Amino acid sequence: MLALLDELETKEEQRANWFRMAQKLGEDLDTAERLIAELDQRLIEYAGIATREARRVAELEARKVNLSKLSVGEVMHMTGFSRDYAEGWCAGNDNAIHEIRTAGIKVKES
């Protein structure tokens, strides 16, 4: 009879341990589900930001930079400065156009 009572007590302790373990796992699951919901919300926000920024990049890539392509004579006439100045301005402008295009930006020359 004592053996049966000892066995019953052991089984009740095991059941209580299993119950505590199940409760702890349930709490851990609740915590994990809350964290997943939080992370899902952040993911949705970040996806929205990425989409908006991708649209902005596409808009910027579609635009063209307007740079005047003037002759030395036109620069001399507009500024009233010397030929050397006008040639330097035109060379600098040509270099700027080249570097901007090299960077992948479209240039609309006027």
PDB file of N, CA and C in Angstrom:
ATOM      1  N   MET A   1       0.818  -1.192   0.000  1.00  0.00           N
ATOM      2  CA  MET A   1       0.000   0.000   0.000  1.00  0.00           C
ATOM      3  C   MET A   1       0.864   1.259   0.000  1.00  0.00           C
ATOM      4  N   LEU A   2       1.935   1.268   0.796  1.00  0.00           N
ATOM      5  CA  LEU A   2       2.839   2.418   0.826  1.00  0.00           C
ATOM      6  C   LEU A   2       3.524   2.610  -0.523  1.00  0.00           C
ATOM      7  N   ALA A   3       3.825   1.520  -1.163  1.00  0.00           N
ATOM      8  CA  ALA A   3       4.457   1.603  -2.485  1.00  0.00           C
ATOM      9  C   ALA A   3       3.524   2.295  -3.472  1.00  0.00           C
ATOM     10  N   LEU A   4       2.238   1.972  -3.389  1.00  0.00           N
ATOM     11  CA  LEU A   4       1.262   2.614  -4.279  1.00  0.00           C
ATOM     12  C   LEU A   4       1.130   4.099  -3.972  1.00  0.00           C
ATOM     13  N   LEU A   5       1.154   4.453  -2.701  1.00  0.00           N
ATOM     14  CA  LEU A   5       1.076   5.867  -2.321  1.00  0.00           C
ATOM     15  C   LEU A   5       2.322   6.625  -2.776  1.00  0.00           C
ATOM     16  N   ASP A   6       3.491   5.985  -2.643  1.00  0.00           N
ATOM     17  CA  ASP A   6       4.734   6.613  -3.125  1.00  0.00           C
ATOM     18  C   ASP A   6       4.688   6.818  -4.637  1.00  0.00           C
ATOM     19  N   GLU A   7       4.184   5.791  -5.321  1.00  0.00           N
ATOM     20  CA  GLU A   7       4.078   5.888  -6.783  1.00  0.00           C
ATOM     21  C   GLU A   7       3.098   6.992  -7.170  1.00  0.00           C
ATOM     22  N   LEU A   8       1.985   7.090  -6.460  1.00  0.00           N
ATOM     23  CA  LEU A   8       0.994   8.138  -6.725  1.00  0.00           C
ATOM     24  C   LEU A   8       1.596   9.514  -6.481  1.00  0.00           C
ATOM     25  N   GLU A   9       2.323   9.649  -5.391  1.00  0.00           N
ATOM     26  CA  GLU A   9       2.967  10.930  -5.076  1.00  0.00           C
ATOM     27  C   GLU A   9       3.984  11.304  -6.156  1.00  0.00           C
ATOM     28  N   THR A  10       4.761  10.328  -6.598  1.00  0.00           N
ATOM     29  CA  THR A  10       5.743  10.562  -7.668  1.00  0.00           C
ATOM     30  C   THR A  10       5.034  11.007  -8.944  1.00  0.00           C
ATOM     31  N   LYS A  11       3.950  10.325  -9.272  1.00  0.00           N
ATOM     32  CA  LYS A  11       3.192  10.676 -10.485  1.00  0.00           C
ATOM     33  C   LYS A  11       2.598  12.082 -10.370  1.00  0.00           C
ATOM     34  N   GLU A  12       2.112  12.445  -9.187  1.00  0.00           N
ATOM     35  CA  GLU A  12       1.549  13.784  -8.996  1.00  0.00           C
ATOM     36  C   GLU A  12       2.636  14.854  -9.108  1.00  0.00           C
ATOM     37  N   GLU A  13       3.825  14.560  -8.589  1.00  0.00           N
ATOM     38  CA  GLU A  13       4.949  15.500  -8.736  1.00  0.00           C
ATOM     39  C   GLU A  13       5.336  15.646 -10.205  1.00  0.00           C
ATOM     40  N   GLN A  14       5.366  14.515 -10.913  1.00  0.00           N
ATOM     41  CA  GLN A  14       5.678  14.565 -12.349  1.00  0.00           C
ATOM     42  C   GLN A  14       4.626  15.381 -13.094  1.00  0.00           C
ATOM     43  N   ARG A  15       3.349  15.132 -12.739  1.00  0.00           N
ATOM     44  CA  ARG A  15       2.264  15.875 -13.391  1.00  0.00           C
ATOM     45  C   ARG A  15       2.398  17.367 -13.099  1.00  0.00           C
ATOM     46  N   ALA A  16       2.717  17.728 -11.859  1.00  0.00           N
ATOM     47  CA  ALA A  16       2.892  19.134 -11.487  1.00  0.00           C
ATOM     48  C   ALA A  16       4.076  19.738 -12.245  1.00  0.00           C
ATOM     49  N   ASN A  17       5.158  18.976 -12.379  1.00  0.00           N
ATOM     50  CA  ASN A  17       6.318  19.451 -13.151  1.00  0.00           C
ATOM     51  C   ASN A  17       5.951  19.658 -14.618  1.00  0.00           C
ATOM     52  N   TRP A  18       5.227  18.685 -15.183  1.00  0.00           N
ATOM     53  CA  TRP A  18       4.797  18.817 -16.579  1.00  0.00           C
ATOM     54  C   TRP A  18       3.882  20.035 -16.745  1.00  0.00           C
ATOM     55  N   PHE A  19       3.006  20.240 -15.772  1.00  0.00           N
ATOM     56  CA  PHE A  19       2.087  21.371 -15.830  1.00  0.00           C
ATOM     57  C   PHE A  19       2.862  22.690 -15.788  1.00  0.00           C
ATOM     58  N   ARG A  20       3.840  22.807 -14.865  1.00  0.00           N
ATOM     59  CA  ARG A  20       4.664  24.026 -14.789  1.00  0.00           C
ATOM     60  C   ARG A  20       5.442  24.238 -16.085  1.00  0.00           C
ATOM     61  N   MET A  21       5.977  23.143 -16.625  1.00  0.00           N
ATOM     62  CA  MET A  21       6.725  23.244 -17.874  1.00  0.00           C
ATOM     63  C   MET A  21       5.805  23.703 -19.010  1.00  0.00           C
ATOM     64  N   ALA A  22       4.600  23.159 -19.056  1.00  0.00           N
ATOM     65  CA  ALA A  22       3.635  23.551 -20.089  1.00  0.00           C
ATOM     66  C   ALA A  22       3.253  25.019 -19.932  1.00  0.00           C
ATOM     67  N   GLN A  23       3.065  25.464 -18.682  1.00  0.00           N
ATOM     68  CA  GLN A  23       2.748  26.875 -18.449  1.00  0.00           C
ATOM     69  C   GLN A  23       3.885  27.766 -18.931  1.00  0.00           C
ATOM     70  N   LYS A  24       5.114  27.387 -18.593  1.00  0.00           N
ATOM     71  CA  LYS A  24       6.285  28.175 -19.003  1.00  0.00           C
ATOM     72  C   LYS A  24       6.390  28.213 -20.523  1.00  0.00           C
ATOM     73  N   LEU A  25       6.195  27.072 -21.158  1.00  0.00           N
ATOM     74  CA  LEU A  25       6.234  27.039 -22.624  1.00  0.00           C
ATOM     75  C   LEU A  25       5.129  27.903 -23.220  1.00  0.00           C
ATOM     76  N   GLY A  26       3.951  27.889 -22.596  1.00  0.00           N
ATOM     77  CA  GLY A  26       2.854  28.741 -23.059  1.00  0.00           C
ATOM     78  C   GLY A  26       3.205  30.215 -22.940  1.00  0.00           C
ATOM     79  N   GLU A  27       3.839  30.588 -21.823  1.00  0.00           N
ATOM     80  CA  GLU A  27       4.269  31.982 -21.645  1.00  0.00           C
ATOM     81  C   GLU A  27       5.337  32.354 -22.668  1.00  0.00           C
ATOM     82  N   ASP A  28       6.285  31.433 -22.885  1.00  0.00           N
ATOM     83  CA  ASP A  28       7.328  31.683 -23.890  1.00  0.00           C
ATOM     84  C   ASP A  28       6.716  31.845 -25.277  1.00  0.00           C
ATOM     85  N   LEU A  29       5.719  31.016 -25.575  1.00  0.00           N
ATOM     86  CA  LEU A  29       5.045  31.104 -26.866  1.00  0.00           C
ATOM     87  C   LEU A  29       4.335  32.447 -27.006  1.00  0.00           C
ATOM     88  N   ASP A  30       3.651  32.893 -25.962  1.00  0.00           N
ATOM     89  CA  ASP A  30       2.976  34.198 -25.995  1.00  0.00           C
ATOM     90  C   ASP A  30       3.974  35.322 -26.240  1.00  0.00           C
ATOM     91  N   THR A  31       5.106  35.257 -25.541  1.00  0.00           N
ATOM     92  CA  THR A  31       6.151  36.273 -25.716  1.00  0.00           C
ATOM     93  C   THR A  31       6.675  36.253 -27.147  1.00  0.00           C
ATOM     94  N   ALA A  32       6.932  35.060 -27.666  1.00  0.00           N
ATOM     95  CA  ALA A  32       7.445  34.936 -29.037  1.00  0.00           C
ATOM     96  C   ALA A  32       6.423  35.450 -30.048  1.00  0.00           C
ATOM     97  N   GLU A  33       5.154  35.156 -29.837  1.00  0.00           N
ATOM     98  CA  GLU A  33       4.117  35.625 -30.762  1.00  0.00           C
ATOM     99  C   GLU A  33       4.006  37.144 -30.740  1.00  0.00           C
ATOM    100  N   ARG A  34       4.137  37.753 -29.550  1.00  0.00           N
ATOM    101  CA  ARG A  34       4.118  39.224 -29.472  1.00  0.00           C
ATOM    102  C   ARG A  34       5.310  39.808 -30.220  1.00  0.00           C
ATOM    103  N   LEU A  35       6.476  39.202 -30.032  1.00  0.00           N
ATOM    104  CA  LEU A  35       7.677  39.676 -30.720  1.00  0.00           C
ATOM    105  C   LEU A  35       7.537  39.528 -32.231  1.00  0.00           C
ATOM    106  N   ILE A  36       7.001  38.414 -32.673  1.00  0.00           N
ATOM    107  CA  ILE A  36       6.790  38.199 -34.109  1.00  0.00           C
ATOM    108  C   ILE A  36       5.837  39.254 -34.663  1.00  0.00           C
ATOM    109  N   ALA A  37       4.766  39.553 -33.940  1.00  0.00           N
ATOM    110  CA  ALA A  37       3.813  40.576 -34.392  1.00  0.00           C
ATOM    111  C   ALA A  37       4.493  41.934 -34.487  1.00  0.00           C
ATOM    112  N   GLU A  38       5.335  42.252 -33.499  1.00  0.00           N
ATOM    113  CA  GLU A  38       6.091  43.516 -33.522  1.00  0.00           C
ATOM    114  C   GLU A  38       7.022  43.574 -34.729  1.00  0.00           C
ATOM    115  N   LEU A  39       7.744  42.478 -34.942  1.00  0.00           N
ATOM    116  CA  LEU A  39       8.693  42.430 -36.061  1.00  0.00           C
ATOM    117  C   LEU A  39       7.971  42.465 -37.404  1.00  0.00           C
ATOM    118  N   ASP A  40       6.805  41.815 -37.484  1.00  0.00           N
ATOM    119  CA  ASP A  40       6.007  41.884 -38.711  1.00  0.00           C
ATOM    120  C   ASP A  40       5.608  43.325 -39.008  1.00  0.00           C
ATOM    121  N   GLN A  41       5.205  44.047 -37.968  1.00  0.00           N
ATOM    122  CA  GLN A  41       4.814  45.449 -38.142  1.00  0.00           C
ATOM    123  C   GLN A  41       5.999  46.274 -38.625  1.00  0.00           C
ATOM    124  N   ARG A  42       7.161  46.049 -38.017  1.00  0.00           N
ATOM    125  CA  ARG A  42       8.360  46.773 -38.455  1.00  0.00           C
ATOM    126  C   ARG A  42       8.707  46.441 -39.897  1.00  0.00           C
ATOM    127  N   LEU A  43       8.576  45.166 -40.249  1.00  0.00           N
ATOM    128  CA  LEU A  43       8.867  44.746 -41.616  1.00  0.00           C
ATOM    129  C   LEU A  43       7.951  45.458 -42.606  1.00  0.00           C
ATOM    130  N   ILE A  44       6.683  45.568 -42.260  1.00  0.00           N
ATOM    131  CA  ILE A  44       5.728  46.271 -43.124  1.00  0.00           C
ATOM    132  C   ILE A  44       6.126  47.740 -43.259  1.00  0.00           C
ATOM    133  N   GLU A  45       6.507  48.367 -42.143  1.00  0.00           N
ATOM    134  CA  GLU A  45       6.941  49.767 -42.187  1.00  0.00           C
ATOM    135  C   GLU A  45       8.184  49.921 -43.056  1.00  0.00           C
ATOM    136  N   TYR A  46       9.169  49.039 -42.857  1.00  0.00           N
ATOM    137  CA  TYR A  46      10.412  49.133 -43.630  1.00  0.00           C
ATOM    138  C   TYR A  46      10.172  48.854 -45.109  1.00  0.00           C
ATOM    139  N   ALA A  47       9.263  47.944 -45.410  1.00  0.00           N
ATOM    140  CA  ALA A  47       8.937  47.668 -46.808  1.00  0.00           C
ATOM    141  C   ALA A  47       8.312  48.907 -47.447  1.00  0.00           C
ATOM    142  N   GLY A  48       7.461  49.598 -46.694  1.00  0.00           N
ATOM    143  CA  GLY A  48       6.867  50.837 -47.203  1.00  0.00           C
ATOM    144  C   GLY A  48       7.918  51.899 -47.453  1.00  0.00           C
ATOM    145  N   ILE A  49       8.850  52.018 -46.521  1.00  0.00           N
ATOM    146  CA  ILE A  49       9.937  52.989 -46.683  1.00  0.00           C
ATOM    147  C   ILE A  49      10.784  52.629 -47.898  1.00  0.00           C
ATOM    148  N   ALA A  50      11.132  51.352 -48.034  1.00  0.00           N
ATOM    149  CA  ALA A  50      11.963  50.914 -49.161  1.00  0.00           C
ATOM    150  C   ALA A  50      11.255  51.164 -50.487  1.00  0.00           C
ATOM    151  N   THR A  51       9.959  50.907 -50.530  1.00  0.00           N
ATOM    152  CA  THR A  51       9.189  51.142 -51.758  1.00  0.00           C
ATOM    153  C   THR A  51       9.169  52.624 -52.100  1.00  0.00           C
ATOM    154  N   ARG A  52       8.918  53.446 -51.091  1.00  0.00           N
ATOM    155  CA  ARG A  52       8.876  54.897 -51.312  1.00  0.00           C
ATOM    156  C   ARG A  52      10.241  55.407 -51.786  1.00  0.00           C
ATOM    157  N   GLU A  53      11.303  54.935 -51.155  1.00  0.00           N
ATOM    158  CA  GLU A  53      12.648  55.381 -51.533  1.00  0.00           C
ATOM    159  C   GLU A  53      13.037  54.866 -52.915  1.00  0.00           C
ATOM    160  N   ALA A  54      12.611  53.659 -53.264  1.00  0.00           N
ATOM    161  CA  ALA A  54      12.896  53.125 -54.600  1.00  0.00           C
ATOM    162  C   ALA A  54      12.212  53.981 -55.664  1.00  0.00           C
ATOM    163  N   ARG A  55      10.980  54.419 -55.365  1.00  0.00           N
ATOM    164  CA  ARG A  55      10.289  55.317 -56.301  1.00  0.00           C
ATOM    165  C   ARG A  55      11.048  56.633 -56.453  1.00  0.00           C
ATOM    166  N   ARG A  56      11.532  57.144 -55.339  1.00  0.00           N
ATOM    167  CA  ARG A  56      12.283  58.412 -55.365  1.00  0.00           C
ATOM    168  C   ARG A  56      13.565  58.254 -56.170  1.00  0.00           C
ATOM    169  N   VAL A  57      14.265  57.151 -55.982  1.00  0.00           N
ATOM    170  CA  VAL A  57      15.488  56.895 -56.756  1.00  0.00           C
ATOM    171  C   VAL A  57      15.150  56.825 -58.244  1.00  0.00           C
ATOM    172  N   ALA A  58      14.064  56.135 -58.582  1.00  0.00           N
ATOM    173  CA  ALA A  58      13.656  56.034 -59.988  1.00  0.00           C
ATOM    174  C   ALA A  58      13.329  57.414 -60.556  1.00  0.00           C
ATOM    175  N   GLU A  59      12.657  58.246 -59.766  1.00  0.00           N
ATOM    176  CA  GLU A  59      12.358  59.611 -60.216  1.00  0.00           C
ATOM    177  C   GLU A  59      13.645  60.385 -60.482  1.00  0.00           C
ATOM    178  N   LEU A  60      14.577  60.279 -59.547  1.00  0.00           N
ATOM    179  CA  LEU A  60      15.836  61.011 -59.709  1.00  0.00           C
ATOM    180  C   LEU A  60      16.634  60.487 -60.893  1.00  0.00           C
ATOM    181  N   GLU A  61      16.627  59.171 -61.081  1.00  0.00           N
ATOM    182  CA  GLU A  61      17.363  58.602 -62.203  1.00  0.00           C
ATOM    183  C   GLU A  61      16.750  58.995 -63.541  1.00  0.00           C
ATOM    184  N   ALA A  62      15.456  59.237 -63.560  1.00  0.00           N
ATOM    185  CA  ALA A  62      14.780  59.604 -64.803  1.00  0.00           C
ATOM    186  C   ALA A  62      15.012  61.068 -65.177  1.00  0.00           C
ATOM    187  N   ARG A  63      15.381  61.872 -64.199  1.00  0.00           N
ATOM    188  CA  ARG A  63      15.588  63.297 -64.461  1.00  0.00           C
ATOM    189  C   ARG A  63      16.908  63.531 -65.178  1.00  0.00           C
ATOM    190  N   LYS A  64      16.996  64.688 -65.792  1.00  0.00           N
ATOM    191  CA  LYS A  64      18.227  65.089 -66.463  1.00  0.00           C
ATOM    192  C   LYS A  64      18.719  66.399 -65.873  1.00  0.00           C
ATOM    193  N   VAL A  65      20.022  66.521 -65.793  1.00  0.00           N
ATOM    194  CA  VAL A  65      20.657  67.762 -65.357  1.00  0.00           C
ATOM    195  C   VAL A  65      20.767  68.659 -66.586  1.00  0.00           C
ATOM    196  N   ASN A  66      20.385  69.910 -66.437  1.00  0.00           N
ATOM    197  CA  ASN A  66      20.496  70.860 -67.546  1.00  0.00           C
ATOM    198  C   ASN A  66      21.778  71.669 -67.405  1.00  0.00           C
ATOM    199  N   LEU A  67      22.656  71.532 -68.370  1.00  0.00           N
ATOM    200  CA  LEU A  67      23.882  72.322 -68.401  1.00  0.00           C
ATOM    201  C   LEU A  67      23.984  73.013 -69.752  1.00  0.00           C
ATOM    202  N   SER A  68      24.306  74.277 -69.708  1.00  0.00           N
ATOM    203  CA  SER A  68      24.461  75.026 -70.953  1.00  0.00           C
ATOM    204  C   SER A  68      25.741  74.601 -71.648  1.00  0.00           C
ATOM    205  N   LYS A  69      25.625  74.313 -72.922  1.00  0.00           N
ATOM    206  CA  LYS A  69      26.797  73.987 -73.734  1.00  0.00           C
ATOM    207  C   LYS A  69      27.015  75.200 -74.642  1.00  0.00           C
ATOM    208  N   LEU A  70      27.875  76.100 -74.183  1.00  0.00           N
ATOM    209  CA  LEU A  70      28.104  77.349 -74.908  1.00  0.00           C
ATOM    210  C   LEU A  70      29.455  77.320 -75.603  1.00  0.00           C
ATOM    211  N   SER A  71      29.537  78.079 -76.657  1.00  0.00           N
ATOM    212  CA  SER A  71      30.821  78.208 -77.353  1.00  0.00           C
ATOM    213  C   SER A  71      31.677  79.248 -76.635  1.00  0.00           C
ATOM    214  N   VAL A  72      32.953  79.259 -76.968  1.00  0.00           N
ATOM    215  CA  VAL A  72      33.874  80.233 -76.380  1.00  0.00           C
ATOM    216  C   VAL A  72      33.376  81.649 -76.667  1.00  0.00           C
ATOM    217  N   GLY A  73      32.932  81.877 -77.893  1.00  0.00           N
ATOM    218  CA  GLY A  73      32.428  83.202 -78.267  1.00  0.00           C
ATOM    219  C   GLY A  73      31.217  83.607 -77.447  1.00  0.00           C
ATOM    220  N   GLU A  74      30.298  82.675 -77.213  1.00  0.00           N
ATOM    221  CA  GLU A  74      29.105  82.977 -76.420  1.00  0.00           C
ATOM    222  C   GLU A  74      29.479  83.323 -74.974  1.00  0.00           C
ATOM    223  N   VAL A  75      30.438  82.587 -74.418  1.00  0.00           N
ATOM    224  CA  VAL A  75      30.869  82.862 -73.046  1.00  0.00           C
ATOM    225  C   VAL A  75      31.538  84.226 -72.983  1.00  0.00           C
ATOM    226  N   MET A  76      32.366  84.534 -73.972  1.00  0.00           N
ATOM    227  CA  MET A  76      33.034  85.844 -73.994  1.00  0.00           C
ATOM    228  C   MET A  76      31.996  86.954 -74.072  1.00  0.00           C
ATOM    229  N   HIS A  77      30.998  86.763 -74.913  1.00  0.00           N
ATOM    230  CA  HIS A  77      29.961  87.779 -75.085  1.00  0.00           C
ATOM    231  C   HIS A  77      29.133  87.939 -73.797  1.00  0.00           C
ATOM    232  N   MET A  78      28.748  86.817 -73.165  1.00  0.00           N
ATOM    233  CA  MET A  78      27.911  86.864 -71.957  1.00  0.00           C
ATOM    234  C   MET A  78      28.647  87.483 -70.773  1.00  0.00           C
ATOM    235  N   THR A  79      29.925  87.159 -70.625  1.00  0.00           N
ATOM    236  CA  THR A  79      30.653  87.578 -69.429  1.00  0.00           C
ATOM    237  C   THR A  79      31.457  88.854 -69.636  1.00  0.00           C
ATOM    238  N   GLY A  80      31.853  89.075 -70.874  1.00  0.00           N
ATOM    239  CA  GLY A  80      32.724  90.215 -71.137  1.00  0.00           C
ATOM    240  C   GLY A  80      34.171  89.938 -70.747  1.00  0.00           C
ATOM    241  N   PHE A  81      34.474  88.683 -70.441  1.00  0.00           N
ATOM    242  CA  PHE A  81      35.839  88.334 -70.047  1.00  0.00           C
ATOM    243  C   PHE A  81      36.657  87.898 -71.259  1.00  0.00           C
ATOM    244  N   SER A  82      37.894  87.583 -71.009  1.00  0.00           N
ATOM    245  CA  SER A  82      38.846  87.250 -72.075  1.00  0.00           C
ATOM    246  C   SER A  82      38.567  85.871 -72.680  1.00  0.00           C
ATOM    247  N   ARG A  83      39.242  85.635 -73.810  1.00  0.00           N
ATOM    248  CA  ARG A  83      39.157  84.338 -74.485  1.00  0.00           C
ATOM    249  C   ARG A  83      39.678  83.228 -73.568  1.00  0.00           C
ATOM    250  N   ASP A  84      40.798  83.500 -72.869  1.00  0.00           N
ATOM    251  CA  ASP A  84      41.356  82.487 -71.958  1.00  0.00           C
ATOM    252  C   ASP A  84      40.322  82.077 -70.901  1.00  0.00           C
ATOM    253  N   TYR A  85      39.647  83.063 -70.347  1.00  0.00           N
ATOM    254  CA  TYR A  85      38.616  82.768 -69.346  1.00  0.00           C
ATOM    255  C   TYR A  85      37.514  81.923 -69.985  1.00  0.00           C
ATOM    256  N   ALA A  86      37.045  82.320 -71.151  1.00  0.00           N
ATOM    257  CA  ALA A  86      35.954  81.615 -71.829  1.00  0.00           C
ATOM    258  C   ALA A  86      36.361  80.189 -72.179  1.00  0.00           C
ATOM    259  N   GLU A  87      37.604  80.005 -72.626  1.00  0.00           N
ATOM    260  CA  GLU A  87      38.075  78.650 -72.952  1.00  0.00           C
ATOM    261  C   GLU A  87      38.136  77.790 -71.687  1.00  0.00           C
ATOM    262  N   GLY A  88      38.588  78.376 -70.593  1.00  0.00           N
ATOM    263  CA  GLY A  88      38.620  77.648 -69.314  1.00  0.00           C
ATOM    264  C   GLY A  88      37.225  77.274 -68.842  1.00  0.00           C
ATOM    265  N   TRP A  89      36.293  78.206 -69.000  1.00  0.00           N
ATOM    266  CA  TRP A  89      34.912  77.938 -68.601  1.00  0.00           C
ATOM    267  C   TRP A  89      34.341  76.793 -69.425  1.00  0.00           C
ATOM    268  N   CYS A  90      34.556  76.848 -70.734  1.00  0.00           N
ATOM    269  CA  CYS A  90      34.032  75.792 -71.614  1.00  0.00           C
ATOM    270  C   CYS A  90      34.675  74.438 -71.302  1.00  0.00           C
ATOM    271  N   ALA A  91      35.978  74.434 -71.050  1.00  0.00           N
ATOM    272  CA  ALA A  91      36.661  73.181 -70.712  1.00  0.00           C
ATOM    273  C   ALA A  91      36.123  72.627 -69.388  1.00  0.00           C
ATOM    274  N   GLY A  92      35.936  73.500 -68.416  1.00  0.00           N
ATOM    275  CA  GLY A  92      35.379  73.070 -67.130  1.00  0.00           C
ATOM    276  C   GLY A  92      33.971  72.526 -67.284  1.00  0.00           C
ATOM    277  N   ASN A  93      33.178  73.180 -68.109  1.00  0.00           N
ATOM    278  CA  ASN A  93      31.815  72.731 -68.365  1.00  0.00           C
ATOM    279  C   ASN A  93      31.823  71.358 -69.040  1.00  0.00           C
ATOM    280  N   ASP A  94      32.712  71.186 -70.033  1.00  0.00           N
ATOM    281  CA  ASP A  94      32.824  69.886 -70.711  1.00  0.00           C
ATOM    282  C   ASP A  94      33.239  68.790 -69.726  1.00  0.00           C
ATOM    283  N   ASN A  95      34.192  69.120 -68.852  1.00  0.00           N
ATOM    284  CA  ASN A  95      34.625  68.144 -67.841  1.00  0.00           C
ATOM    285  C   ASN A  95      33.477  67.790 -66.897  1.00  0.00           C
ATOM    286  N   ALA A  96      32.712  68.797 -66.499  1.00  0.00           N
ATOM    287  CA  ALA A  96      31.577  68.555 -65.604  1.00  0.00           C
ATOM    288  C   ALA A  96      30.560  67.635 -66.274  1.00  0.00           C
ATOM    289  N   ILE A  97      30.253  67.907 -67.530  1.00  0.00           N
ATOM    290  CA  ILE A  97      29.310  67.067 -68.276  1.00  0.00           C
ATOM    291  C   ILE A  97      29.824  65.632 -68.342  1.00  0.00           C
ATOM    292  N   HIS A  98      31.112  65.483 -68.640  1.00  0.00           N
ATOM    293  CA  HIS A  98      31.709  64.144 -68.724  1.00  0.00           C
ATOM    294  C   HIS A  98      31.610  63.412 -67.379  1.00  0.00           C
ATOM    295  N   GLU A  99      31.974  64.071 -66.295  1.00  0.00           N
ATOM    296  CA  GLU A  99      31.965  63.434 -64.972  1.00  0.00           C
ATOM    297  C   GLU A  99      30.546  63.095 -64.522  1.00  0.00           C
ATOM    298  N   ILE A 100      29.607  63.970 -64.821  1.00  0.00           N
ATOM    299  CA  ILE A 100      28.212  63.715 -64.452  1.00  0.00           C
ATOM    300  C   ILE A 100      27.688  62.499 -65.205  1.00  0.00           C
ATOM    301  N   ARG A 101      27.998  62.415 -66.495  1.00  0.00           N
ATOM    302  CA  ARG A 101      27.572  61.248 -67.279  1.00  0.00           C
ATOM    303  C   ARG A 101      28.262  59.978 -66.792  1.00  0.00           C
ATOM    304  N   THR A 102      29.542  60.097 -66.448  1.00  0.00           N
ATOM    305  CA  THR A 102      30.282  58.944 -65.930  1.00  0.00           C
ATOM    306  C   THR A 102      29.627  58.416 -64.656  1.00  0.00           C
ATOM    307  N   ALA A 103      29.058  59.302 -63.865  1.00  0.00           N
ATOM    308  CA  ALA A 103      28.374  58.904 -62.628  1.00  0.00           C
ATOM    309  C   ALA A 103      26.997  58.302 -62.905  1.00  0.00           C
ATOM    310  N   GLY A 104      26.592  58.260 -64.178  1.00  0.00           N
ATOM    311  CA  GLY A 104      25.317  57.652 -64.529  1.00  0.00           C
ATOM    312  C   GLY A 104      24.146  58.610 -64.531  1.00  0.00           C
ATOM    313  N   ILE A 105      24.432  59.905 -64.471  1.00  0.00           N
ATOM    314  CA  ILE A 105      23.374  60.916 -64.470  1.00  0.00           C
ATOM    315  C   ILE A 105      23.204  61.436 -65.890  1.00  0.00           C
ATOM    316  N   LYS A 106      21.959  61.550 -66.315  1.00  0.00           N
ATOM    317  CA  LYS A 106      21.685  62.046 -67.666  1.00  0.00           C
ATOM    318  C   LYS A 106      21.897  63.555 -67.706  1.00  0.00           C
ATOM    319  N   VAL A 107      22.450  64.013 -68.815  1.00  0.00           N
ATOM    320  CA  VAL A 107      22.711  65.445 -68.983  1.00  0.00           C
ATOM    321  C   VAL A 107      21.962  65.918 -70.221  1.00  0.00           C
ATOM    322  N   LYS A 108      21.183  66.971 -70.029  1.00  0.00           N
ATOM    323  CA  LYS A 108      20.489  67.604 -71.148  1.00  0.00           C
ATOM    324  C   LYS A 108      21.247  68.883 -71.453  1.00  0.00           C
ATOM    325  N   GLU A 109      21.865  68.902 -72.592  1.00  0.00           N
ATOM    326  CA  GLU A 109      22.641  70.092 -72.964  1.00  0.00           C
ATOM    327  C   GLU A 109      21.730  71.066 -73.692  1.00  0.00           C
ATOM    328  N   SER A 110      21.864  72.331 -73.327  1.00  0.00           N
ATOM    329  CA  SER A 110      21.044  73.344 -74.007  1.00  0.00           C
ATOM    330  C   SER A 110      21.922  74.319 -74.733  1.00  0.00           C
TER     331      SER A 110
END
